[in-house]
């Protein structure tokens, strides 16, 4: 499975639990329990587990894939405010 989760410059995309679990296993990182936050690309991006725990939002300094960011374009969501102040 060769699937890109984060590519600099692209719009953030929400990731499935399966995709993040596969990535963590490939990086020899623990998956049980699944982490609430996964840092990617140094400090350029993070994956944040959703409140329901059914997906991970991709958060960068310029965008977030969460519903709040989607429905309120131009405003900073709580994920960006916390991780990229």
C-alpha atoms as a PDB file:
ATOM      1  CA  UNK A   1       0.000   0.000   0.000  1.00  0.00           C
ATOM      2  CA  UNK A   2       1.703   3.176  -1.202  1.00  0.00           C
ATOM      3  CA  UNK A   3      -0.742   5.960  -0.341  1.00  0.00           C
ATOM      4  CA  UNK A   4       0.328   9.517   0.449  1.00  0.00           C
ATOM      5  CA  UNK A   5      -1.273  10.875   3.624  1.00  0.00           C
ATOM      6  CA  UNK A   6       0.249  14.344   3.562  1.00  0.00           C
ATOM      7  CA  UNK A   7       1.798  16.134   0.628  1.00  0.00           C
ATOM      8  CA  UNK A   8       3.030  19.651   1.235  1.00  0.00           C
ATOM      9  CA  UNK A   9       0.987  22.232  -0.615  1.00  0.00           C
ATOM     10  CA  UNK A  10      -2.092  20.087  -1.075  1.00  0.00           C
ATOM     11  CA  UNK A  11      -5.364  20.735   0.722  1.00  0.00           C
ATOM     12  CA  UNK A  12      -5.697  18.775   3.972  1.00  0.00           C
ATOM     13  CA  UNK A  13      -7.760  15.600   3.680  1.00  0.00           C
ATOM     14  CA  UNK A  14      -9.453  13.683   6.471  1.00  0.00           C
ATOM     15  CA  UNK A  15      -7.855  10.254   6.964  1.00  0.00           C
ATOM     16  CA  UNK A  16      -9.508   6.972   7.869  1.00  0.00           C
ATOM     17  CA  UNK A  17      -8.573   5.090  11.017  1.00  0.00           C
ATOM     18  CA  UNK A  18      -7.281   2.254   8.807  1.00  0.00           C
ATOM     19  CA  UNK A  19      -4.972   4.593   6.864  1.00  0.00           C
ATOM     20  CA  UNK A  20      -3.500   6.105  10.028  1.00  0.00           C
ATOM     21  CA  UNK A  21      -3.126   2.679  11.671  1.00  0.00           C
ATOM     22  CA  UNK A  22      -1.281   1.368   8.604  1.00  0.00           C
ATOM     23  CA  UNK A  23       0.999   4.412   8.591  1.00  0.00           C
ATOM     24  CA  UNK A  24       1.789   4.056  12.300  1.00  0.00           C
ATOM     25  CA  UNK A  25       2.580   0.362  11.878  1.00  0.00           C
ATOM     26  CA  UNK A  26       4.863   1.130   8.925  1.00  0.00           C
ATOM     27  CA  UNK A  27       6.692   3.641  11.139  1.00  0.00           C
ATOM     28  CA  UNK A  28       6.915   1.105  13.997  1.00  0.00           C
ATOM     29  CA  UNK A  29       4.816   3.337  16.251  1.00  0.00           C
ATOM     30  CA  UNK A  30       2.243   2.031  18.738  1.00  0.00           C
ATOM     31  CA  UNK A  31      -1.352   1.641  17.570  1.00  0.00           C
ATOM     32  CA  UNK A  32      -3.000   0.346  20.738  1.00  0.00           C
ATOM     33  CA  UNK A  33      -4.392   2.632  21.941  1.00  0.00           C
ATOM     34  CA  UNK A  34      -4.545   4.909  18.928  1.00  0.00           C
ATOM     35  CA  UNK A  35      -2.951   8.283  19.680  1.00  0.00           C
ATOM     36  CA  UNK A  36      -5.078  11.421  19.821  1.00  0.00           C
ATOM     37  CA  UNK A  37      -2.398  13.390  17.916  1.00  0.00           C
ATOM     38  CA  UNK A  38       0.120  12.189  15.319  1.00  0.00           C
ATOM     39  CA  UNK A  39       2.844  14.595  14.168  1.00  0.00           C
ATOM     40  CA  UNK A  40       3.745  14.504  10.481  1.00  0.00           C
ATOM     41  CA  UNK A  41       6.466  16.104   8.406  1.00  0.00           C
ATOM     42  CA  UNK A  42       8.293  17.437  11.446  1.00  0.00           C
ATOM     43  CA  UNK A  43       6.155  20.230  12.785  1.00  0.00           C
ATOM     44  CA  UNK A  44       4.434  21.090   9.490  1.00  0.00           C
ATOM     45  CA  UNK A  45       1.318  18.936   9.968  1.00  0.00           C
ATOM     46  CA  UNK A  46      -0.550  16.908  12.571  1.00  0.00           C
ATOM     47  CA  UNK A  47      -3.326  14.358  12.493  1.00  0.00           C
ATOM     48  CA  UNK A  48      -5.995  14.888  15.163  1.00  0.00           C
ATOM     49  CA  UNK A  49      -8.392  12.068  16.039  1.00  0.00           C
ATOM     50  CA  UNK A  50     -12.016  13.186  15.773  1.00  0.00           C
ATOM     51  CA  UNK A  51     -14.190  13.383  18.870  1.00  0.00           C
ATOM     52  CA  UNK A  52     -16.176  10.352  17.675  1.00  0.00           C
ATOM     53  CA  UNK A  53     -12.885   8.524  17.034  1.00  0.00           C
ATOM     54  CA  UNK A  54     -13.893   7.471  13.532  1.00  0.00           C
ATOM     55  CA  UNK A  55     -11.279   9.455  11.559  1.00  0.00           C
ATOM     56  CA  UNK A  56      -8.294  11.795  11.791  1.00  0.00           C
ATOM     57  CA  UNK A  57      -8.343  15.418  10.639  1.00  0.00           C
ATOM     58  CA  UNK A  58      -5.240  16.667   8.861  1.00  0.00           C
ATOM     59  CA  UNK A  59      -4.158  20.027  10.277  1.00  0.00           C
ATOM     60  CA  UNK A  60      -1.541  22.375   8.831  1.00  0.00           C
ATOM     61  CA  UNK A  61      -0.702  26.018   9.444  1.00  0.00           C
ATOM     62  CA  UNK A  62      -2.839  26.955   6.444  1.00  0.00           C
ATOM     63  CA  UNK A  63      -5.786  24.571   6.733  1.00  0.00           C
ATOM     64  CA  UNK A  64      -7.686  21.786   8.454  1.00  0.00           C
ATOM     65  CA  UNK A  65      -9.934  19.039   7.124  1.00  0.00           C
ATOM     66  CA  UNK A  66     -12.398  19.221  10.054  1.00  0.00           C
ATOM     67  CA  UNK A  67     -16.072  20.106   9.414  1.00  0.00           C
ATOM     68  CA  UNK A  68     -15.739  23.494  11.158  1.00  0.00           C
ATOM     69  CA  UNK A  69     -12.979  24.537   8.757  1.00  0.00           C
ATOM     70  CA  UNK A  70     -15.027  23.288   5.803  1.00  0.00           C
ATOM     71  CA  UNK A  71     -18.194  25.169   6.775  1.00  0.00           C
ATOM     72  CA  UNK A  72     -16.443  28.349   7.935  1.00  0.00           C
ATOM     73  CA  UNK A  73     -13.820  29.094   5.270  1.00  0.00           C
ATOM     74  CA  UNK A  74     -11.395  31.850   6.206  1.00  0.00           C
ATOM     75  CA  UNK A  75     -11.847  31.276   9.941  1.00  0.00           C
ATOM     76  CA  UNK A  76      -9.365  29.391  12.102  1.00  0.00           C
ATOM     77  CA  UNK A  77     -10.793  26.212  13.639  1.00  0.00           C
ATOM     78  CA  UNK A  78      -9.892  25.046  17.153  1.00  0.00           C
ATOM     79  CA  UNK A  79      -7.395  22.504  15.759  1.00  0.00           C
ATOM     80  CA  UNK A  80      -5.359  25.122  13.911  1.00  0.00           C
ATOM     81  CA  UNK A  81      -5.594  27.529  16.860  1.00  0.00           C
ATOM     82  CA  UNK A  82      -4.196  24.880  19.199  1.00  0.00           C
ATOM     83  CA  UNK A  83      -1.448  23.410  17.026  1.00  0.00           C
ATOM     84  CA  UNK A  84      -0.484  26.379  14.828  1.00  0.00           C
ATOM     85  CA  UNK A  85      -1.073  29.556  16.902  1.00  0.00           C
END
